[in-house]
Amino acid sequence: MEFKTLSFNERIQNFSRLTPDRNVISILSKEYARCIGADPDFIFEKCGIAQRNFNIIFTKKKRLKKSIRFWKN
């Protein structure tokens, strides 16, 4: 485990890995915006973009692994 200060983009990337559920992301982004004093809509938009990008990469990896390990079905 490594403790360090994170940039804004790194924090948003961490939120994107938590869950694919938009309702949970909405709640988290509102609370995070309240804590840092930012616009909730801006934070939600950034979290949504990061979450979509993460899910695209995640599903690509999953498909690739499934095609490589076809005998383990």
C-alpha atoms as a PDB file:
ATOM      1  CA  MET A   1       0.000   0.000   0.000  1.00  0.00           C
ATOM      2  CA  GLU A   2       1.274   3.413  -0.871  1.00  0.00           C
ATOM      3  CA  PHE A   3       0.111   6.658   0.719  1.00  0.00           C
ATOM      4  CA  LYS A   4       0.630   9.745  -1.398  1.00  0.00           C
ATOM      5  CA  THR A   5      -1.156  12.887  -2.452  1.00  0.00           C
ATOM      6  CA  LEU A   6      -3.293  12.432  -5.541  1.00  0.00           C
ATOM      7  CA  SER A   7      -4.142  14.853  -8.295  1.00  0.00           C
ATOM      8  CA  PHE A   8      -7.748  15.581  -9.215  1.00  0.00           C
ATOM      9  CA  ASN A   9      -7.604  13.257 -12.250  1.00  0.00           C
ATOM     10  CA  GLU A  10      -6.137  10.405 -10.194  1.00  0.00           C
ATOM     11  CA  ARG A  11      -8.967  10.753  -7.678  1.00  0.00           C
ATOM     12  CA  ILE A  12     -11.566  10.630 -10.441  1.00  0.00           C
ATOM     13  CA  GLN A  13      -9.865   7.531 -11.887  1.00  0.00           C
ATOM     14  CA  ASN A  14     -10.177   5.855  -8.475  1.00  0.00           C
ATOM     15  CA  PHE A  15     -13.915   6.617  -8.386  1.00  0.00           C
ATOM     16  CA  SER A  16     -14.340   5.051 -11.816  1.00  0.00           C
ATOM     17  CA  ARG A  17     -13.062   1.689 -10.581  1.00  0.00           C
ATOM     18  CA  LEU A  18     -15.516   1.414  -7.696  1.00  0.00           C
ATOM     19  CA  THR A  19     -18.740   0.458  -9.442  1.00  0.00           C
ATOM     20  CA  PRO A  20     -20.422   0.549 -12.851  1.00  0.00           C
ATOM     21  CA  ASP A  21     -23.709   1.681 -11.230  1.00  0.00           C
ATOM     22  CA  ARG A  22     -24.531   5.274 -12.265  1.00  0.00           C
ATOM     23  CA  ASN A  23     -26.662   5.873  -9.152  1.00  0.00           C
ATOM     24  CA  VAL A  24     -23.764   5.080  -6.831  1.00  0.00           C
ATOM     25  CA  ILE A  25     -21.415   7.253  -8.904  1.00  0.00           C
ATOM     26  CA  SER A  26     -23.963  10.072  -8.661  1.00  0.00           C
ATOM     27  CA  ILE A  27     -24.111   9.864  -4.870  1.00  0.00           C
ATOM     28  CA  LEU A  28     -20.328   9.625  -4.521  1.00  0.00           C
ATOM     29  CA  SER A  29     -19.698  12.517  -6.883  1.00  0.00           C
ATOM     30  CA  LYS A  30     -22.200  14.765  -5.065  1.00  0.00           C
ATOM     31  CA  GLU A  31     -20.606  14.047  -1.702  1.00  0.00           C
ATOM     32  CA  TYR A  32     -17.094  14.464  -3.079  1.00  0.00           C
ATOM     33  CA  ALA A  33     -18.066  17.784  -4.662  1.00  0.00           C
ATOM     34  CA  ARG A  34     -19.528  18.926  -1.352  1.00  0.00           C
ATOM     35  CA  CYS A  35     -16.301  17.999   0.471  1.00  0.00           C
ATOM     36  CA  ILE A  36     -13.993  19.842  -1.912  1.00  0.00           C
ATOM     37  CA  GLY A  37     -16.365  22.731  -2.640  1.00  0.00           C
ATOM     38  CA  ALA A  38     -16.766  22.064  -6.371  1.00  0.00           C
ATOM     39  CA  ASP A  39     -19.709  21.941  -8.760  1.00  0.00           C
ATOM     40  CA  PRO A  40     -21.508  18.555  -8.364  1.00  0.00           C
ATOM     41  CA  ASP A  41     -22.517  18.433 -12.041  1.00  0.00           C
ATOM     42  CA  PHE A  42     -18.911  18.927 -13.170  1.00  0.00           C
ATOM     43  CA  ILE A  43     -17.657  16.175 -10.856  1.00  0.00           C
ATOM     44  CA  PHE A  44     -20.446  13.804 -11.951  1.00  0.00           C
ATOM     45  CA  GLU A  45     -19.625  14.448 -15.609  1.00  0.00           C
ATOM     46  CA  LYS A  46     -15.906  13.743 -15.030  1.00  0.00           C
ATOM     47  CA  CYS A  47     -16.706  10.581 -13.058  1.00  0.00           C
ATOM     48  CA  GLY A  48     -19.081   9.400 -15.783  1.00  0.00           C
ATOM     49  CA  ILE A  49     -16.476   9.862 -18.507  1.00  0.00           C
ATOM     50  CA  ALA A  50     -13.816   8.074 -16.459  1.00  0.00           C
ATOM     51  CA  GLN A  51     -16.213   5.242 -15.632  1.00  0.00           C
ATOM     52  CA  ARG A  52     -17.156   4.716 -19.294  1.00  0.00           C
ATOM     53  CA  ASN A  53     -13.488   4.648 -20.303  1.00  0.00           C
ATOM     54  CA  PHE A  54     -12.685   2.173 -17.529  1.00  0.00           C
ATOM     55  CA  ASN A  55     -15.576  -0.100 -18.520  1.00  0.00           C
ATOM     56  CA  ILE A  56     -14.467  -0.107 -22.173  1.00  0.00           C
ATOM     57  CA  ILE A  57     -10.953  -1.183 -21.215  1.00  0.00           C
ATOM     58  CA  PHE A  58     -12.269  -3.696 -18.659  1.00  0.00           C
ATOM     59  CA  THR A  59     -14.598  -5.400 -21.146  1.00  0.00           C
ATOM     60  CA  LYS A  60     -11.862  -5.532 -23.798  1.00  0.00           C
ATOM     61  CA  LYS A  61      -9.529  -7.246 -21.346  1.00  0.00           C
ATOM     62  CA  LYS A  62     -12.262  -9.654 -20.303  1.00  0.00           C
ATOM     63  CA  ARG A  63     -13.028 -10.602 -23.926  1.00  0.00           C
ATOM     64  CA  LEU A  64      -9.340 -11.078 -24.685  1.00  0.00           C
ATOM     65  CA  LYS A  65      -8.818 -13.305 -21.654  1.00  0.00           C
ATOM     66  CA  LYS A  66     -11.889 -15.324 -22.549  1.00  0.00           C
ATOM     67  CA  SER A  67     -10.658 -15.867 -26.104  1.00  0.00           C
ATOM     68  CA  ILE A  68      -7.218 -16.918 -24.873  1.00  0.00           C
ATOM     69  CA  ARG A  69      -8.597 -19.278 -22.226  1.00  0.00           C
ATOM     70  CA  PHE A  70     -11.340 -20.816 -24.364  1.00  0.00           C
ATOM     71  CA  TRP A  71     -10.736 -24.310 -22.958  1.00  0.00           C
ATOM     72  CA  LYS A  72     -11.596 -23.239 -19.378  1.00  0.00           C
ATOM     73  CA  ASN A  73     -15.283 -22.531 -20.067  1.00  0.00           C
END
